[in-house]
Amino acid sequence: MEVKTVNESNKQKHYFEIRGEQRIALETEYHLSRALKAKLNSAIQVARTQLLAVQDPTVIRRIVYLVIRPDFHIEAHEELEIFLQTQSTSEIEVIHHLLG
């Protein structure tokens, strides 16, 4: 098993650096951005490479476990589920947990 953590974006980190009285509300996004999909895909590919590098005949299951902390204004859990399901293959199973 490989565990990878995918944290919030730089956009969110910078948002909280703005003084409260100068901060404007962010609109809720109901889709996964290309950047988030790329970040997830990259983490999965790194884990996939690490898991497949181990050539042990006793290994019967390889799991990529993602711990994801999405930006607070992202509400795309169903799309995220579908996207991550497509990342699982016969060699690698992708499982995730959302922090929030």
N, C-alpha and C. Protein backbone atom coordinates (compact mmCIF):
# COMPACT_ATOMS: atom_id res chain seq x y z
N MET A 1 0.84 -1.18 0.00
CA MET A 1 0.00 0.00 0.00
C MET A 1 0.89 1.24 0.00
N GLU A 2 0.48 2.21 -0.78
CA GLU A 2 1.11 3.53 -0.78
C GLU A 2 0.05 4.53 -0.35
N VAL A 3 0.38 5.39 0.59
CA VAL A 3 -0.52 6.43 1.05
C VAL A 3 0.01 7.76 0.56
N LYS A 4 -0.85 8.53 -0.08
CA LYS A 4 -0.48 9.85 -0.58
C LYS A 4 -1.50 10.87 -0.06
N THR A 5 -1.01 12.02 0.32
CA THR A 5 -1.89 13.10 0.77
C THR A 5 -1.92 14.19 -0.29
N VAL A 6 -3.13 14.60 -0.65
CA VAL A 6 -3.31 15.69 -1.60
C VAL A 6 -4.00 16.81 -0.83
N ASN A 7 -3.29 17.91 -0.65
CA ASN A 7 -3.80 19.03 0.15
C ASN A 7 -4.45 20.10 -0.70
N GLU A 8 -4.99 21.08 -0.02
CA GLU A 8 -5.66 22.18 -0.68
C GLU A 8 -4.71 22.91 -1.63
N SER A 9 -5.30 23.68 -2.51
CA SER A 9 -4.53 24.37 -3.53
C SER A 9 -3.81 25.60 -2.96
N ASN A 10 -2.87 26.09 -3.73
CA ASN A 10 -2.20 27.34 -3.36
C ASN A 10 -3.19 28.49 -3.34
N LYS A 11 -4.20 28.43 -4.21
CA LYS A 11 -5.23 29.47 -4.25
C LYS A 11 -5.89 29.60 -2.88
N GLN A 12 -6.22 28.47 -2.27
CA GLN A 12 -6.86 28.52 -0.95
C GLN A 12 -5.87 28.99 0.11
N LYS A 13 -4.63 28.52 0.04
CA LYS A 13 -3.64 28.95 1.02
C LYS A 13 -3.46 30.47 0.97
N HIS A 14 -3.37 31.02 -0.24
CA HIS A 14 -3.21 32.47 -0.40
C HIS A 14 -4.46 33.22 0.04
N TYR A 15 -5.61 32.62 -0.14
CA TYR A 15 -6.87 33.25 0.27
C TYR A 15 -6.85 33.56 1.76
N PHE A 16 -6.34 32.63 2.56
CA PHE A 16 -6.33 32.84 4.00
C PHE A 16 -5.20 33.76 4.46
N GLU A 17 -4.31 34.12 3.56
CA GLU A 17 -3.27 35.10 3.88
C GLU A 17 -3.81 36.53 3.77
N ILE A 18 -4.95 36.69 3.12
CA ILE A 18 -5.58 38.01 2.97
C ILE A 18 -6.27 38.36 4.30
N ARG A 19 -6.08 39.58 4.74
CA ARG A 19 -6.72 40.02 5.99
C ARG A 19 -8.22 39.88 5.87
N GLY A 20 -8.85 39.43 6.95
CA GLY A 20 -10.28 39.12 6.97
C GLY A 20 -11.18 40.19 6.39
N GLU A 21 -10.94 41.45 6.74
CA GLU A 21 -11.81 42.52 6.25
C GLU A 21 -11.60 42.82 4.76
N GLN A 22 -10.52 42.33 4.17
CA GLN A 22 -10.25 42.54 2.74
C GLN A 22 -10.60 41.32 1.89
N ARG A 23 -10.92 40.22 2.55
CA ARG A 23 -11.20 38.97 1.86
C ARG A 23 -12.61 38.99 1.30
N ILE A 24 -12.77 38.54 0.07
CA ILE A 24 -14.11 38.42 -0.51
C ILE A 24 -14.47 36.94 -0.57
N ALA A 25 -15.75 36.66 -0.55
CA ALA A 25 -16.22 35.27 -0.57
C ALA A 25 -15.89 34.61 -1.91
N LEU A 26 -15.59 33.34 -1.86
CA LEU A 26 -15.35 32.57 -3.08
C LEU A 26 -16.62 31.84 -3.46
N GLU A 27 -16.92 31.82 -4.75
CA GLU A 27 -18.09 31.07 -5.21
C GLU A 27 -17.81 29.59 -5.13
N THR A 28 -18.83 28.83 -4.77
CA THR A 28 -18.70 27.38 -4.71
C THR A 28 -18.50 26.83 -6.12
N GLU A 29 -17.56 25.91 -6.26
CA GLU A 29 -17.32 25.25 -7.54
C GLU A 29 -17.87 23.83 -7.45
N TYR A 30 -18.64 23.44 -8.46
CA TYR A 30 -19.30 22.14 -8.45
C TYR A 30 -18.67 21.17 -9.44
N HIS A 31 -17.41 21.39 -9.77
CA HIS A 31 -16.70 20.48 -10.67
C HIS A 31 -15.24 20.42 -10.25
N LEU A 32 -14.57 19.37 -10.68
CA LEU A 32 -13.14 19.25 -10.41
C LEU A 32 -12.37 20.05 -11.46
N SER A 33 -11.45 20.84 -11.02
CA SER A 33 -10.64 21.60 -11.96
C SER A 33 -9.63 20.68 -12.63
N ARG A 34 -9.11 21.12 -13.76
CA ARG A 34 -8.04 20.36 -14.42
C ARG A 34 -6.82 20.25 -13.52
N ALA A 35 -6.55 21.32 -12.77
CA ALA A 35 -5.39 21.33 -11.88
C ALA A 35 -5.52 20.27 -10.78
N LEU A 36 -6.72 20.14 -10.21
CA LEU A 36 -6.92 19.14 -9.17
C LEU A 36 -6.83 17.73 -9.76
N LYS A 37 -7.43 17.53 -10.92
CA LYS A 37 -7.33 16.22 -11.57
C LYS A 37 -5.86 15.87 -11.86
N ALA A 38 -5.10 16.85 -12.31
CA ALA A 38 -3.68 16.62 -12.60
C ALA A 38 -2.91 16.29 -11.32
N LYS A 39 -3.22 17.00 -10.24
CA LYS A 39 -2.56 16.76 -8.96
C LYS A 39 -2.86 15.35 -8.46
N LEU A 40 -4.13 14.94 -8.57
CA LEU A 40 -4.52 13.59 -8.15
C LEU A 40 -3.86 12.54 -9.03
N ASN A 41 -3.90 12.77 -10.33
CA ASN A 41 -3.29 11.83 -11.27
C ASN A 41 -1.80 11.67 -11.01
N SER A 42 -1.12 12.76 -10.74
CA SER A 42 0.32 12.72 -10.46
C SER A 42 0.60 11.89 -9.21
N ALA A 43 -0.16 12.11 -8.14
CA ALA A 43 0.03 11.36 -6.90
C ALA A 43 -0.22 9.87 -7.14
N ILE A 44 -1.24 9.55 -7.92
CA ILE A 44 -1.56 8.16 -8.21
C ILE A 44 -0.46 7.52 -9.05
N GLN A 45 0.07 8.24 -10.02
CA GLN A 45 1.12 7.68 -10.88
C GLN A 45 2.41 7.42 -10.09
N VAL A 46 2.75 8.31 -9.18
CA VAL A 46 3.94 8.10 -8.34
C VAL A 46 3.74 6.83 -7.50
N ALA A 47 2.57 6.72 -6.88
CA ALA A 47 2.29 5.54 -6.06
C ALA A 47 2.26 4.27 -6.90
N ARG A 48 1.66 4.35 -8.08
CA ARG A 48 1.58 3.19 -8.98
C ARG A 48 2.99 2.70 -9.32
N THR A 49 3.88 3.62 -9.66
CA THR A 49 5.26 3.27 -9.99
C THR A 49 5.95 2.61 -8.80
N GLN A 50 5.74 3.17 -7.62
CA GLN A 50 6.36 2.60 -6.42
C GLN A 50 5.83 1.20 -6.14
N LEU A 51 4.53 1.01 -6.27
CA LEU A 51 3.94 -0.30 -5.97
C LEU A 51 4.34 -1.36 -6.99
N LEU A 52 4.38 -0.98 -8.25
CA LEU A 52 4.71 -1.96 -9.29
C LEU A 52 6.20 -2.27 -9.33
N ALA A 53 7.01 -1.46 -8.68
CA ALA A 53 8.46 -1.73 -8.63
C ALA A 53 8.77 -2.94 -7.76
N VAL A 54 7.87 -3.26 -6.86
CA VAL A 54 8.07 -4.42 -5.98
C VAL A 54 7.59 -5.66 -6.71
N GLN A 55 8.51 -6.52 -7.05
CA GLN A 55 8.19 -7.76 -7.77
C GLN A 55 8.22 -8.93 -6.79
N ASP A 56 7.18 -9.03 -5.99
CA ASP A 56 7.08 -10.08 -4.99
C ASP A 56 5.85 -10.93 -5.32
N PRO A 57 6.04 -12.20 -5.62
CA PRO A 57 4.92 -13.05 -6.02
C PRO A 57 3.88 -13.27 -4.91
N THR A 58 4.22 -12.96 -3.67
CA THR A 58 3.26 -13.12 -2.59
C THR A 58 2.31 -11.93 -2.47
N VAL A 59 2.60 -10.85 -3.17
CA VAL A 59 1.72 -9.67 -3.14
C VAL A 59 0.49 -9.99 -3.99
N ILE A 60 -0.68 -9.90 -3.38
CA ILE A 60 -1.91 -10.21 -4.10
C ILE A 60 -2.78 -8.98 -4.33
N ARG A 61 -2.43 -7.88 -3.69
CA ARG A 61 -3.24 -6.67 -3.81
C ARG A 61 -2.34 -5.45 -3.64
N ARG A 62 -2.50 -4.48 -4.51
CA ARG A 62 -1.75 -3.22 -4.42
C ARG A 62 -2.77 -2.09 -4.33
N ILE A 63 -2.61 -1.28 -3.30
CA ILE A 63 -3.60 -0.23 -3.03
C ILE A 63 -2.91 1.12 -2.96
N VAL A 64 -3.50 2.10 -3.65
CA VAL A 64 -3.13 3.50 -3.49
C VAL A 64 -4.22 4.11 -2.63
N TYR A 65 -3.84 4.57 -1.45
CA TYR A 65 -4.80 5.18 -0.53
C TYR A 65 -4.55 6.68 -0.51
N LEU A 66 -5.51 7.43 -1.02
CA LEU A 66 -5.39 8.88 -1.09
C LEU A 66 -6.13 9.53 0.07
N VAL A 67 -5.46 10.43 0.75
CA VAL A 67 -6.09 11.27 1.75
C VAL A 67 -6.17 12.65 1.11
N ILE A 68 -7.40 13.11 0.90
CA ILE A 68 -7.61 14.34 0.12
C ILE A 68 -8.24 15.42 1.00
N ARG A 69 -7.61 16.58 1.00
CA ARG A 69 -8.17 17.75 1.67
C ARG A 69 -8.49 18.77 0.58
N PRO A 70 -9.72 18.73 0.07
CA PRO A 70 -10.08 19.66 -1.02
C PRO A 70 -10.26 21.09 -0.49
N ASP A 71 -10.20 22.04 -1.39
CA ASP A 71 -10.48 23.42 -1.02
C ASP A 71 -11.88 23.51 -0.43
N PHE A 72 -12.07 24.44 0.51
CA PHE A 72 -13.35 24.53 1.22
C PHE A 72 -14.52 24.89 0.31
N HIS A 73 -14.26 25.50 -0.83
CA HIS A 73 -15.35 25.94 -1.70
C HIS A 73 -15.62 24.96 -2.86
N ILE A 74 -15.04 23.78 -2.80
CA ILE A 74 -15.25 22.76 -3.84
C ILE A 74 -16.29 21.77 -3.35
N GLU A 75 -17.34 21.59 -4.11
CA GLU A 75 -18.41 20.63 -3.79
C GLU A 75 -18.60 19.73 -5.00
N ALA A 76 -17.67 18.82 -5.20
CA ALA A 76 -17.72 17.93 -6.38
C ALA A 76 -17.41 16.49 -5.97
N HIS A 77 -17.99 16.07 -4.87
CA HIS A 77 -17.67 14.75 -4.33
C HIS A 77 -18.05 13.61 -5.28
N GLU A 78 -19.20 13.74 -5.92
CA GLU A 78 -19.62 12.68 -6.84
C GLU A 78 -18.69 12.59 -8.05
N GLU A 79 -18.32 13.73 -8.60
CA GLU A 79 -17.38 13.74 -9.73
C GLU A 79 -16.02 13.18 -9.30
N LEU A 80 -15.61 13.50 -8.08
CA LEU A 80 -14.35 12.99 -7.55
C LEU A 80 -14.40 11.46 -7.44
N GLU A 81 -15.51 10.93 -6.93
CA GLU A 81 -15.69 9.47 -6.82
C GLU A 81 -15.53 8.81 -8.19
N ILE A 82 -16.21 9.35 -9.17
CA ILE A 82 -16.17 8.78 -10.53
C ILE A 82 -14.76 8.87 -11.10
N PHE A 83 -14.13 10.02 -10.94
CA PHE A 83 -12.77 10.20 -11.45
C PHE A 83 -11.81 9.18 -10.84
N LEU A 84 -11.89 9.01 -9.52
CA LEU A 84 -10.97 8.08 -8.86
C LEU A 84 -11.27 6.63 -9.19
N GLN A 85 -12.53 6.30 -9.43
CA GLN A 85 -12.88 4.94 -9.84
C GLN A 85 -12.22 4.60 -11.17
N THR A 86 -12.10 5.56 -12.04
CA THR A 86 -11.48 5.30 -13.35
C THR A 86 -9.97 5.12 -13.24
N GLN A 87 -9.40 5.48 -12.10
CA GLN A 87 -7.95 5.34 -11.91
C GLN A 87 -7.54 3.94 -11.45
N SER A 88 -8.50 3.18 -10.93
CA SER A 88 -8.20 1.80 -10.51
C SER A 88 -8.05 0.93 -11.75
N THR A 89 -7.12 -0.02 -11.65
CA THR A 89 -6.89 -0.96 -12.75
C THR A 89 -6.85 -2.37 -12.15
N SER A 90 -6.60 -3.35 -12.99
CA SER A 90 -6.47 -4.71 -12.48
C SER A 90 -5.22 -4.86 -11.61
N GLU A 91 -4.25 -3.98 -11.78
CA GLU A 91 -3.01 -4.03 -10.99
C GLU A 91 -3.07 -3.21 -9.72
N ILE A 92 -3.78 -2.09 -9.77
CA ILE A 92 -3.78 -1.12 -8.68
C ILE A 92 -5.20 -0.71 -8.32
N GLU A 93 -5.50 -0.72 -7.03
CA GLU A 93 -6.80 -0.27 -6.54
C GLU A 93 -6.61 1.10 -5.90
N VAL A 94 -7.44 2.05 -6.29
CA VAL A 94 -7.36 3.41 -5.73
C VAL A 94 -8.53 3.59 -4.75
N ILE A 95 -8.18 3.91 -3.52
CA ILE A 95 -9.15 4.16 -2.46
C ILE A 95 -8.87 5.56 -1.93
N HIS A 96 -9.90 6.24 -1.45
CA HIS A 96 -9.65 7.59 -0.93
C HIS A 96 -10.48 7.90 0.31
N HIS A 97 -10.02 8.93 1.00
CA HIS A 97 -10.71 9.47 2.17
C HIS A 97 -10.66 10.98 2.07
N LEU A 98 -11.80 11.62 2.21
CA LEU A 98 -11.87 13.09 2.17
C LEU A 98 -11.78 13.66 3.57
N LEU A 99 -10.90 14.62 3.75
CA LEU A 99 -10.85 15.38 5.00
C LEU A 99 -11.67 16.64 4.79
N GLY A 100 -12.31 17.08 5.79
CA GLY A 100 -13.06 18.30 5.57
C GLY A 100 -13.64 18.79 6.77
